Amino acid sequence: MIDALYNYRQGDIHSAEFSDEFNKLCIPFENSLNDEQIDVFHKILDCVSDTAVAEMRAAYKVGFKDGTIFMREVQE
């Protein structure tokens, strides 16, 4: 059920934009790659993004569970 809540709320979670430092490093680096290297680089970035999503989902679950523990303690 927590996954369903997370997935429903996902549209309301605003994603951060890349930092200026990331853009200063990434754009020139990407421009220096050939087409095959660009494909691999994009796949690497997708893997990093997928990992970040998994970490956010796990943190959401832990936060949700912690919140319910706090509510139970307050009720006692």
N, C-alpha and C. Protein backbone atom coordinates (compact mmCIF):
# COMPACT_ATOMS: atom_id res chain seq x y z
N MET A 1 0.82 -1.19 0.00
CA MET A 1 0.00 0.00 0.00
C MET A 1 0.87 1.26 0.00
N ILE A 2 1.98 1.23 0.71
CA ILE A 2 2.87 2.39 0.74
C ILE A 2 3.41 2.67 -0.66
N ASP A 3 3.72 1.60 -1.41
CA ASP A 3 4.17 1.78 -2.79
C ASP A 3 3.09 2.47 -3.62
N ALA A 4 1.85 2.08 -3.44
CA ALA A 4 0.75 2.70 -4.19
C ALA A 4 0.64 4.18 -3.84
N LEU A 5 0.77 4.51 -2.57
CA LEU A 5 0.74 5.92 -2.17
C LEU A 5 1.89 6.69 -2.79
N TYR A 6 3.07 6.09 -2.76
CA TYR A 6 4.24 6.75 -3.34
C TYR A 6 4.03 6.98 -4.84
N ASN A 7 3.58 5.94 -5.53
CA ASN A 7 3.38 6.06 -6.97
C ASN A 7 2.32 7.09 -7.31
N TYR A 8 1.28 7.18 -6.48
CA TYR A 8 0.24 8.18 -6.71
C TYR A 8 0.80 9.59 -6.50
N ARG A 9 1.61 9.77 -5.47
CA ARG A 9 2.16 11.08 -5.12
C ARG A 9 3.34 11.47 -6.00
N GLN A 10 3.86 10.55 -6.75
CA GLN A 10 5.06 10.80 -7.54
C GLN A 10 4.90 12.03 -8.44
N GLY A 11 3.72 12.24 -8.99
CA GLY A 11 3.49 13.39 -9.85
C GLY A 11 3.57 14.71 -9.09
N ASP A 12 3.34 14.67 -7.78
CA ASP A 12 3.38 15.87 -6.95
C ASP A 12 4.79 16.17 -6.44
N ILE A 13 5.71 15.25 -6.64
CA ILE A 13 7.08 15.43 -6.17
C ILE A 13 7.85 16.17 -7.26
N HIS A 14 8.32 17.34 -6.94
CA HIS A 14 9.04 18.13 -7.92
C HIS A 14 10.51 17.72 -7.93
N SER A 15 10.99 17.43 -9.11
CA SER A 15 12.37 17.00 -9.21
C SER A 15 13.30 18.21 -9.25
N ALA A 16 14.47 18.00 -8.72
CA ALA A 16 15.47 19.07 -8.72
C ALA A 16 16.08 19.20 -10.11
N GLU A 17 16.55 20.37 -10.42
CA GLU A 17 17.21 20.58 -11.69
C GLU A 17 18.71 20.33 -11.50
N PHE A 18 19.37 20.05 -12.61
CA PHE A 18 20.81 19.83 -12.53
C PHE A 18 21.49 21.11 -12.06
N SER A 19 22.51 20.96 -11.28
CA SER A 19 23.26 22.11 -10.78
C SER A 19 24.08 22.72 -11.91
N ASP A 20 24.48 23.95 -11.70
CA ASP A 20 25.35 24.60 -12.68
C ASP A 20 26.66 23.83 -12.84
N GLU A 21 27.16 23.31 -11.73
CA GLU A 21 28.41 22.54 -11.79
C GLU A 21 28.24 21.29 -12.66
N PHE A 22 27.11 20.60 -12.50
CA PHE A 22 26.85 19.42 -13.32
C PHE A 22 26.82 19.80 -14.79
N ASN A 23 26.10 20.87 -15.12
CA ASN A 23 26.01 21.30 -16.51
C ASN A 23 27.36 21.71 -17.08
N LYS A 24 28.18 22.36 -16.26
CA LYS A 24 29.51 22.78 -16.72
C LYS A 24 30.40 21.57 -17.02
N LEU A 25 30.19 20.50 -16.27
CA LEU A 25 30.99 19.28 -16.48
C LEU A 25 30.38 18.38 -17.55
N CYS A 26 29.09 18.20 -17.50
CA CYS A 26 28.43 17.21 -18.33
C CYS A 26 28.34 17.61 -19.80
N ILE A 27 27.94 18.84 -20.06
CA ILE A 27 27.72 19.26 -21.44
C ILE A 27 29.00 19.20 -22.27
N PRO A 28 30.11 19.79 -21.81
CA PRO A 28 31.35 19.65 -22.59
C PRO A 28 31.82 18.19 -22.72
N PHE A 29 31.63 17.43 -21.65
CA PHE A 29 32.02 16.02 -21.71
C PHE A 29 31.21 15.28 -22.76
N GLU A 30 29.90 15.48 -22.75
CA GLU A 30 29.04 14.81 -23.72
C GLU A 30 29.38 15.24 -25.15
N ASN A 31 29.69 16.50 -25.33
CA ASN A 31 30.05 16.99 -26.66
C ASN A 31 31.36 16.39 -27.17
N SER A 32 32.18 15.87 -26.27
CA SER A 32 33.46 15.28 -26.69
C SER A 32 33.34 13.81 -27.07
N LEU A 33 32.16 13.24 -26.90
CA LEU A 33 31.97 11.80 -27.14
C LEU A 33 31.48 11.54 -28.56
N ASN A 34 31.80 10.34 -29.04
CA ASN A 34 31.21 9.92 -30.32
C ASN A 34 29.81 9.34 -30.05
N ASP A 35 29.09 8.98 -31.11
CA ASP A 35 27.70 8.53 -30.96
C ASP A 35 27.56 7.30 -30.06
N GLU A 36 28.45 6.34 -30.23
CA GLU A 36 28.38 5.12 -29.41
C GLU A 36 28.65 5.45 -27.94
N GLN A 37 29.62 6.29 -27.68
CA GLN A 37 29.92 6.69 -26.30
C GLN A 37 28.77 7.49 -25.69
N ILE A 38 28.12 8.31 -26.48
CA ILE A 38 26.97 9.07 -25.98
C ILE A 38 25.85 8.12 -25.55
N ASP A 39 25.61 7.07 -26.35
CA ASP A 39 24.59 6.08 -25.98
C ASP A 39 24.92 5.42 -24.65
N VAL A 40 26.18 5.03 -24.48
CA VAL A 40 26.61 4.40 -23.21
C VAL A 40 26.48 5.40 -22.06
N PHE A 41 26.88 6.63 -22.28
CA PHE A 41 26.79 7.66 -21.25
C PHE A 41 25.34 7.87 -20.83
N HIS A 42 24.42 7.91 -21.79
CA HIS A 42 23.00 8.09 -21.46
C HIS A 42 22.46 6.88 -20.68
N LYS A 43 22.93 5.68 -21.02
CA LYS A 43 22.51 4.50 -20.27
C LYS A 43 23.03 4.57 -18.84
N ILE A 44 24.25 5.06 -18.67
CA ILE A 44 24.80 5.23 -17.31
C ILE A 44 23.96 6.23 -16.53
N LEU A 45 23.62 7.35 -17.16
CA LEU A 45 22.78 8.35 -16.49
C LEU A 45 21.41 7.78 -16.13
N ASP A 46 20.85 6.93 -16.99
CA ASP A 46 19.57 6.27 -16.69
C ASP A 46 19.70 5.35 -15.48
N CYS A 47 20.81 4.63 -15.40
CA CYS A 47 21.04 3.75 -14.24
C CYS A 47 21.14 4.57 -12.95
N VAL A 48 21.84 5.69 -13.02
CA VAL A 48 21.96 6.57 -11.85
C VAL A 48 20.59 7.09 -11.45
N SER A 49 19.79 7.47 -12.43
CA SER A 49 18.44 7.97 -12.16
C SER A 49 17.57 6.88 -11.54
N ASP A 50 17.64 5.66 -12.07
CA ASP A 50 16.87 4.55 -11.51
C ASP A 50 17.25 4.27 -10.06
N THR A 51 18.55 4.37 -9.77
CA THR A 51 19.02 4.17 -8.40
C THR A 51 18.48 5.25 -7.47
N ALA A 52 18.49 6.49 -7.95
CA ALA A 52 17.96 7.60 -7.15
C ALA A 52 16.47 7.41 -6.87
N VAL A 53 15.73 6.93 -7.85
CA VAL A 53 14.30 6.67 -7.66
C VAL A 53 14.09 5.58 -6.61
N ALA A 54 14.87 4.53 -6.68
CA ALA A 54 14.75 3.44 -5.70
C ALA A 54 15.07 3.94 -4.30
N GLU A 55 16.09 4.80 -4.17
CA GLU A 55 16.43 5.36 -2.87
C GLU A 55 15.32 6.27 -2.35
N MET A 56 14.72 7.06 -3.24
CA MET A 56 13.62 7.93 -2.82
C MET A 56 12.42 7.11 -2.36
N ARG A 57 12.12 6.03 -3.09
CA ARG A 57 10.99 5.18 -2.71
C ARG A 57 11.26 4.54 -1.34
N ALA A 58 12.48 4.07 -1.12
CA ALA A 58 12.83 3.46 0.17
C ALA A 58 12.75 4.48 1.29
N ALA A 59 13.23 5.69 1.05
CA ALA A 59 13.16 6.74 2.06
C ALA A 59 11.72 7.12 2.35
N TYR A 60 10.87 7.14 1.34
CA TYR A 60 9.45 7.45 1.53
C TYR A 60 8.81 6.41 2.43
N LYS A 61 9.11 5.13 2.17
CA LYS A 61 8.55 4.06 2.99
C LYS A 61 8.99 4.19 4.45
N VAL A 62 10.28 4.43 4.66
CA VAL A 62 10.79 4.56 6.02
C VAL A 62 10.16 5.77 6.70
N GLY A 63 10.06 6.89 6.00
CA GLY A 63 9.44 8.08 6.56
C GLY A 63 7.98 7.85 6.90
N PHE A 64 7.28 7.15 6.04
CA PHE A 64 5.87 6.85 6.28
C PHE A 64 5.72 5.98 7.52
N LYS A 65 6.56 4.95 7.61
CA LYS A 65 6.50 4.06 8.77
C LYS A 65 6.88 4.81 10.04
N ASP A 66 7.90 5.66 9.99
CA ASP A 66 8.27 6.46 11.16
C ASP A 66 7.13 7.38 11.58
N GLY A 67 6.46 7.96 10.59
CA GLY A 67 5.33 8.83 10.89
C GLY A 67 4.22 8.10 11.62
N THR A 68 3.93 6.87 11.21
CA THR A 68 2.88 6.11 11.89
C THR A 68 3.30 5.73 13.31
N ILE A 69 4.58 5.46 13.50
CA ILE A 69 5.08 5.16 14.85
C ILE A 69 4.90 6.38 15.75
N PHE A 70 5.25 7.57 15.23
CA PHE A 70 5.08 8.78 16.02
C PHE A 70 3.61 9.03 16.34
N MET A 71 2.72 8.80 15.40
CA MET A 71 1.30 9.01 15.65
C MET A 71 0.79 8.04 16.73
N ARG A 72 1.26 6.81 16.68
CA ARG A 72 0.83 5.83 17.70
C ARG A 72 1.33 6.27 19.08
N GLU A 73 2.58 6.76 19.16
CA GLU A 73 3.11 7.20 20.45
C GLU A 73 2.32 8.38 20.99
N VAL A 74 1.93 9.30 20.13
CA VAL A 74 1.17 10.47 20.57
C VAL A 74 -0.18 10.05 21.10
N GLN A 75 -0.78 9.03 20.51
CA GLN A 75 -2.11 8.56 20.93
C GLN A 75 -2.07 7.86 22.29
N GLU A 76 -0.90 7.37 22.68
CA GLU A 76 -0.81 6.63 23.96
C GLU A 76 -0.79 7.53 25.15
